[in-house]
C-alpha cells in the first residue's frame, strides 16, 4: 500500500460515510493545534483591515440570522 504508514486500510476501501468521518477527524486534529499554523502576511493584513472596519462601525455588518435569511436558510 502506498501512502502514510499509519493508515492500515486503503482509503478507497472505506465507505463514503467513513471517509467523511476521517476527513472531519483529520480537520479536528488540525484545529487542536491551529496555533502552529502561521498566517501569511497577506492574511494578517486582511484580518487587521477587517478588525479596523469593525472597530470603526460595529453595526455595519450583518447578524448570522440576517445572512441565513438572505441565503434562504431561515425558516
Protein backbone atom coordinates (compact mmCIF):
# COMPACT_ATOMS: atom_id res chain seq x y z
CA UNK A 1 0.00 0.00 0.00
CA UNK A 2 1.28 3.46 -0.81
CA UNK A 3 0.65 6.44 1.40
CA UNK A 4 1.15 7.10 5.07
CA UNK A 5 2.30 4.07 7.09
CA UNK A 6 -0.19 4.81 9.89
CA UNK A 7 -3.12 4.12 7.56
CA UNK A 8 -3.93 0.44 7.88
CA UNK A 9 -6.52 0.34 5.07
CA UNK A 10 -6.73 1.88 1.67
CA UNK A 11 -8.90 4.97 1.85
CA UNK A 12 -10.75 3.80 -1.25
CA UNK A 13 -11.94 0.75 0.72
CA UNK A 14 -13.79 2.97 3.20
CA UNK A 15 -17.42 3.85 2.69
CA UNK A 16 -18.27 7.44 1.80
CA UNK A 17 -19.55 8.00 5.33
CA UNK A 18 -16.31 6.62 6.78
CA UNK A 19 -14.22 8.87 4.52
CA UNK A 20 -16.26 11.90 5.55
CA UNK A 21 -15.72 10.98 9.19
CA UNK A 22 -11.99 10.55 8.55
CA UNK A 23 -11.81 14.00 6.94
CA UNK A 24 -13.68 15.52 9.89
CA UNK A 25 -11.37 13.77 12.36
CA UNK A 26 -8.30 14.99 10.48
CA UNK A 27 -9.62 18.55 10.41
CA UNK A 28 -10.43 18.42 14.14
CA UNK A 29 -6.90 17.23 14.87
CA UNK A 30 -5.51 20.19 12.92
CA UNK A 31 -7.78 22.65 14.75
CA UNK A 32 -6.47 21.38 18.08
CA UNK A 33 -3.07 22.76 17.03
CA UNK A 34 -4.11 25.79 14.99
CA UNK A 35 -1.65 27.95 16.91
CA UNK A 36 1.06 26.09 14.96
CA UNK A 37 -0.37 27.30 11.62
CA UNK A 38 1.27 30.62 10.82
CA UNK A 39 -0.67 33.26 8.92
CA UNK A 40 0.78 34.77 5.80
CA UNK A 41 1.46 38.49 5.76
CA UNK A 42 -1.48 38.95 3.39
CA UNK A 43 -3.80 37.08 5.78
CA UNK A 44 -2.62 39.18 8.72
CA UNK A 45 -3.19 42.39 6.74
CA UNK A 46 -6.70 41.28 5.78
CA UNK A 47 -7.57 40.41 9.37
CA UNK A 48 -6.24 43.78 10.52
CA UNK A 49 -8.30 45.53 7.82
CA UNK A 50 -11.47 43.74 8.89
CA UNK A 51 -10.84 44.41 12.58
CA UNK A 52 -10.28 48.12 11.83
CA UNK A 53 -13.56 48.22 9.90
CA UNK A 54 -15.42 46.56 12.74
CA UNK A 55 -13.91 48.90 15.33
CA UNK A 56 -14.91 51.93 13.25
CA UNK A 57 -18.53 50.75 12.94
CA UNK A 58 -19.51 47.57 14.81
CA UNK A 59 -23.06 47.77 13.42
CA UNK A 60 -22.04 47.81 9.75
CA UNK A 61 -22.12 44.04 9.33
CA UNK A 62 -24.97 41.57 9.29
CA UNK A 63 -26.01 39.18 12.01
CA UNK A 64 -25.80 35.46 11.33
CA UNK A 65 -29.60 35.34 11.30
CA UNK A 66 -29.72 38.06 8.61
CA UNK A 67 -27.18 36.21 6.49
CA UNK A 68 -29.11 32.93 6.76
CA UNK A 69 -32.33 34.71 5.82
CA UNK A 70 -30.72 36.34 2.75
CA UNK A 71 -29.42 32.93 1.68
CA UNK A 72 -32.82 31.32 2.17
CA UNK A 73 -31.81 29.14 5.13
CA UNK A 74 -34.11 30.78 7.64
CA UNK A 75 -37.43 29.09 8.34
